[in-house]
C-alpha atoms as a PDB file:
ATOM      1  CA  MET A   1      24.352  -2.221  16.163  1.00  0.00           C
ATOM      2  CA  TYR A   2      23.427  -0.942  13.319  1.00  0.00           C
ATOM      3  CA  TYR A   3      20.336  -2.477  11.799  1.00  0.00           C
ATOM      4  CA  ASP A   4      19.558  -2.345   7.589  1.00  0.00           C
ATOM      5  CA  ARG A   5      16.340  -3.307   7.041  1.00  0.00           C
ATOM      6  CA  ASN A   6      16.650  -3.859   3.575  1.00  0.00           C
ATOM      7  CA  ARG A   7      20.113  -6.398   3.743  1.00  0.00           C
ATOM      8  CA  ASN A   8      18.514  -8.271   7.101  1.00  0.00           C
ATOM      9  CA  ILE A   9      14.784  -9.242   5.364  1.00  0.00           C
ATOM     10  CA  MET A  10      17.058 -10.217   2.020  1.00  0.00           C
ATOM     11  CA  GLN A  11      19.222 -12.865   4.613  1.00  0.00           C
ATOM     12  CA  LEU A  12      15.923 -13.506   6.013  1.00  0.00           C
ATOM     13  CA  LEU A  13      14.626 -14.702   2.711  1.00  0.00           C
ATOM     14  CA  TYR A  14      17.535 -16.177   1.357  1.00  0.00           C
ATOM     15  CA  SER A  15      19.270 -17.915   4.093  1.00  0.00           C
ATOM     16  CA  ASN A  16      19.522 -21.818   3.773  1.00  0.00           C
ATOM     17  CA  GLN A  17      17.871 -22.343   6.921  1.00  0.00           C
ATOM     18  CA  GLN A  18      14.264 -24.161   6.480  1.00  0.00           C
ATOM     19  CA  GLU A  19      12.261 -21.478   5.120  1.00  0.00           C
ATOM     20  CA  SER A  20       9.317 -20.661   6.768  1.00  0.00           C
ATOM     21  CA  ILE A  21       5.813 -20.713   4.999  1.00  0.00           C
ATOM     22  CA  PHE A  22       4.965 -17.230   5.463  1.00  0.00           C
ATOM     23  CA  MET A  23       8.938 -16.056   4.028  1.00  0.00           C
ATOM     24  CA  LYS A  24       8.314 -18.610   1.220  1.00  0.00           C
ATOM     25  CA  PHE A  25       4.977 -16.158   0.374  1.00  0.00           C
ATOM     26  CA  MET A  26       7.226 -13.229   0.750  1.00  0.00           C
ATOM     27  CA  ARG A  27      10.371 -14.257  -1.363  1.00  0.00           C
ATOM     28  CA  ASP A  28       7.736 -15.092  -4.179  1.00  0.00           C
ATOM     29  CA  TYR A  29       5.793 -12.015  -3.819  1.00  0.00           C
ATOM     30  CA  LEU A  30       8.784  -9.727  -3.859  1.00  0.00           C
ATOM     31  CA  GLU A  31      10.620 -11.651  -6.652  1.00  0.00           C
ATOM     32  CA  ARG A  32       6.983 -10.753  -9.269  1.00  0.00           C
ATOM     33  CA  ASN A  33       6.729  -7.170  -7.793  1.00  0.00           C
ATOM     34  CA  PRO A  34      10.446  -5.722  -8.220  1.00  0.00           C
ATOM     35  CA  LYS A  35       9.858  -2.493  -8.902  1.00  0.00           C
ATOM     36  CA  ILE A  36       8.675   0.645  -6.553  1.00  0.00           C
ATOM     37  CA  GLY A  37       5.361   2.689  -6.710  1.00  0.00           C
ATOM     38  CA  TYR A  38       3.856   4.832  -4.515  1.00  0.00           C
ATOM     39  CA  ILE A  39       0.375   6.051  -2.503  1.00  0.00           C
ATOM     40  CA  VAL A  40      -0.603   8.853  -1.213  1.00  0.00           C
ATOM     41  CA  PHE A  41      -3.776   8.822   0.401  1.00  0.00           C
ATOM     42  CA  GLN A  42      -6.247  12.289   0.063  1.00  0.00           C
ATOM     43  CA  VAL A  43      -9.009  12.286   3.131  1.00  0.00           C
ATOM     44  CA  TYR A  44     -11.613  14.573   3.073  1.00  0.00           C
ATOM     45  CA  GLN A  45     -15.375  14.777   4.434  1.00  0.00           C
ATOM     46  CA  GLU A  46     -17.715  16.067   0.947  1.00  0.00           C
ATOM     47  CA  SER A  47     -19.571  19.510   2.391  1.00  0.00           C
ATOM     48  CA  PRO A  48     -22.410  21.282  -0.211  1.00  0.00           C
ATOM     49  CA  ILE A  49     -20.989  24.477   1.692  1.00  0.00           C
ATOM     50  CA  GLN A  50     -17.001  23.913   1.919  1.00  0.00           C
ATOM     51  CA  GLY A  51     -16.485  21.891  -0.583  1.00  0.00           C
ATOM     52  CA  ARG A  52     -13.784  18.892   0.245  1.00  0.00           C
ATOM     53  CA  ILE A  53     -12.066  19.371   3.928  1.00  0.00           C
ATOM     54  CA  PRO A  54      -9.445  17.746   5.343  1.00  0.00           C
ATOM     55  CA  VAL A  55      -9.682  14.807   7.901  1.00  0.00           C
ATOM     56  CA  ALA A  56      -6.654  14.970   9.492  1.00  0.00           C
ATOM     57  CA  ASN A  57      -5.170  12.389  12.105  1.00  0.00           C
ATOM     58  CA  ALA A  58      -6.852   9.573  10.055  1.00  0.00           C
ATOM     59  CA  ARG A  59      -5.708   6.190  10.362  1.00  0.00           C
ATOM     60  CA  VAL A  60      -4.996   4.861   7.135  1.00  0.00           C
ATOM     61  CA  THR A  61      -4.106   0.823   7.055  1.00  0.00           C
ATOM     62  CA  VAL A  62      -2.632  -0.718   3.932  1.00  0.00           C
ATOM     63  CA  ASN A  63      -2.790  -4.051   3.128  1.00  0.00           C
ATOM     64  CA  LYS A  64      -1.274  -6.880   1.127  1.00  0.00           C
ATOM     65  CA  TYR A  65      -2.558 -10.171   0.642  1.00  0.00           C
ATOM     66  CA  ILE A  66       0.477 -12.241  -0.113  1.00  0.00           C
ATOM     67  CA  GLY A  67      -1.552 -16.237   0.423  1.00  0.00           C
ATOM     68  CA  ASP A  68      -2.767 -18.593   2.763  1.00  0.00           C
ATOM     69  CA  GLY A  69      -4.588 -16.174   5.273  1.00  0.00           C
ATOM     70  CA  TYR A  70      -0.977 -13.951   5.345  1.00  0.00           C
ATOM     71  CA  PHE A  71      -1.188 -10.048   4.676  1.00  0.00           C
ATOM     72  CA  VAL A  72       1.550  -7.641   4.729  1.00  0.00           C
ATOM     73  CA  SER A  73       0.339  -4.533   6.250  1.00  0.00           C
ATOM     74  CA  LYS A  74       1.763  -0.364   6.516  1.00  0.00           C
ATOM     75  CA  ILE A  75      -0.175   2.201   9.099  1.00  0.00           C
ATOM     76  CA  LEU A  76       0.179   5.647   8.799  1.00  0.00           C
ATOM     77  CA  TYR A  77      -1.501   8.641   9.721  1.00  0.00           C
ATOM     78  CA  THR A  78      -2.562  11.258   7.391  1.00  0.00           C
ATOM     79  CA  ASP A  79      -1.107  15.259   8.085  1.00  0.00           C
ATOM     80  CA  SER A  80      -3.718  18.979   8.685  1.00  0.00           C
ATOM     81  CA  ASP A  81      -4.039  18.258   4.732  1.00  0.00           C
ATOM     82  CA  GLY A  82      -5.402  14.878   5.248  1.00  0.00           C
ATOM     83  CA  LYS A  83      -2.751  13.910   3.304  1.00  0.00           C
ATOM     84  CA  THR A  84      -0.019  11.190   3.773  1.00  0.00           C
ATOM     85  CA  VAL A  85       3.318  10.937   2.907  1.00  0.00           C
ATOM     86  CA  PRO A  86       3.999   9.090  -0.325  1.00  0.00           C
ATOM     87  CA  ILE A  87       4.076   5.009   0.691  1.00  0.00           C
ATOM     88  CA  PRO A  88       7.046   3.109  -1.681  1.00  0.00           C
ATOM     89  CA  PHE A  89       4.776  -0.535  -2.629  1.00  0.00           C
ATOM     90  CA  PHE A  90       6.382  -3.240  -4.779  1.00  0.00           C
ATOM     91  CA  THR A  91       4.958  -3.967  -8.361  1.00  0.00           C
ATOM     92  CA  PRO A  92       5.895  -5.226 -11.363  1.00  0.00           C
ATOM     93  CA  ASP A  93       8.687  -3.957 -13.920  1.00  0.00           C
ATOM     94  CA  LYS A  94       7.041  -1.358 -15.951  1.00  0.00           C
ATOM     95  CA  LYS A  95       8.418  -2.863 -18.855  1.00  0.00           C
ATOM     96  CA  PHE A  96       5.848  -5.759 -18.665  1.00  0.00           C
ATOM     97  CA  SER A  97       4.036  -3.441 -19.571  1.00  0.00           C
ATOM     98  CA  MET A  98       5.083  -2.886 -23.139  1.00  0.00           C
ATOM     99  CA  THR A  99       4.489  -6.829 -23.736  1.00  0.00           C
ATOM    100  CA  PRO A 100       1.319  -7.940 -25.737  1.00  0.00           C
ATOM    101  CA  GLY A 101      -0.651  -9.552 -23.784  1.00  0.00           C
ATOM    102  CA  TYR A 102       0.974  -9.288 -20.915  1.00  0.00           C
ATOM    103  CA  ALA A 103      -1.789  -8.681 -17.580  1.00  0.00           C
ATOM    104  CA  HIS A 104       0.365  -7.860 -14.825  1.00  0.00           C
ATOM    105  CA  VAL A 105       0.982  -4.774 -14.772  1.00  0.00           C
ATOM    106  CA  TYR A 106       0.410  -2.660 -11.752  1.00  0.00           C
ATOM    107  CA  GLU A 107       0.505  -4.589  -8.008  1.00  0.00           C
ATOM    108  CA  THR A 108      -3.089  -4.087  -5.729  1.00  0.00           C
ATOM    109  CA  TYR A 109      -3.592  -3.057  -2.377  1.00  0.00           C
ATOM    110  CA  SER A 110      -6.497  -2.385  -0.297  1.00  0.00           C
ATOM    111  CA  ALA A 111      -6.908   0.048   2.627  1.00  0.00           C
ATOM    112  CA  TYR A 112      -9.200   0.273   5.287  1.00  0.00           C
ATOM    113  CA  VAL A 113      -9.512   4.524   6.897  1.00  0.00           C
ATOM    114  CA  GLU A 114     -10.217   5.182  10.549  1.00  0.00           C
ATOM    115  CA  ALA A 115     -10.942   8.405  11.769  1.00  0.00           C
ATOM    116  CA  PRO A 116     -12.369   9.506  15.203  1.00  0.00           C
ATOM    117  CA  GLU A 117     -16.507  10.128  14.398  1.00  0.00           C
ATOM    118  CA  PHE A 118     -16.152   8.781  10.758  1.00  0.00           C
ATOM    119  CA  THR A 119     -17.400   5.641   9.545  1.00  0.00           C
ATOM    120  CA  THR A 120     -14.605   3.609   8.282  1.00  0.00           C
ATOM    121  CA  ALA A 121     -13.526   3.573   4.339  1.00  0.00           C
ATOM    122  CA  TYR A 122     -13.154   0.439   2.277  1.00  0.00           C
ATOM    123  CA  VAL A 123     -10.618   0.722  -0.492  1.00  0.00           C
ATOM    124  CA  SER A 124      -9.998  -2.180  -2.222  1.00  0.00           C
ATOM    125  CA  ALA A 125      -7.952  -2.965  -5.819  1.00  0.00           C
ATOM    126  CA  ILE A 126      -5.601   0.185  -5.411  1.00  0.00           C
ATOM    127  CA  GLN A 127      -3.754  -0.082  -8.424  1.00  0.00           C
ATOM    128  CA  VAL A 128       0.984   0.761  -7.984  1.00  0.00           C
ATOM    129  CA  PHE A 129       2.289   0.777 -10.842  1.00  0.00           C
ATOM    130  CA  ASP A 130       6.073   1.077 -11.399  1.00  0.00           C
ATOM    131  CA  GLY A 131       7.624   4.487 -10.505  1.00  0.00           C
ATOM    132  CA  ILE A 132       4.629   6.663 -10.612  1.00  0.00           C
ATOM    133  CA  THR A 133       2.679   8.355  -7.780  1.00  0.00           C
ATOM    134  CA  SER A 134      -0.868   7.405  -7.665  1.00  0.00           C
ATOM    135  CA  ILE A 135      -3.021   9.698  -5.638  1.00  0.00           C
ATOM    136  CA  GLN A 136      -5.850   7.607  -3.736  1.00  0.00           C
ATOM    137  CA  PRO A 137      -8.757   9.434  -2.831  1.00  0.00           C
ATOM    138  CA  VAL A 138     -11.004   8.742   0.371  1.00  0.00           C
ATOM    139  CA  ASN A 139     -14.178  10.700   0.916  1.00  0.00           C
ATOM    140  CA  MET A 140     -15.606  10.034   4.548  1.00  0.00           C
ATOM    141  CA  PHE A 141     -18.724  10.553   6.259  1.00  0.00           C
ATOM    142  CA  HIS A 142     -19.972  11.015   9.378  1.00  0.00           C
ATOM    143  CA  GLU A 143     -21.088   8.279  11.851  1.00  0.00           C
END
């Protein structure tokens, strides 16, 4: 059996069955954010002697609150350079940035970054723009 993630999600979102509260929030969120932007997390430890030292295998959990207590999350890990792969996220169309007075030109996400022997870092209001890959630096501190 072949599973097409996008098609199956859309079938759930636009089926004629009674819509769950979560699916309503998800549908509304996707309608407001039809485009894709990317984030690369760069996780490091600052050293006064060695400069930035990459933190490998840090767990990055990115969250988006979509309403009424519902969140959508993505978990991934950094590589040996302390970076994640570019992660796609939904965001508004960039054409709105050309419209005077239109305030919703990007979407925001939050993230927790965890690694052994380091204090968990929380990053909020990470901005994602249509068609742009943003680098999100995260400085980790030893416990």
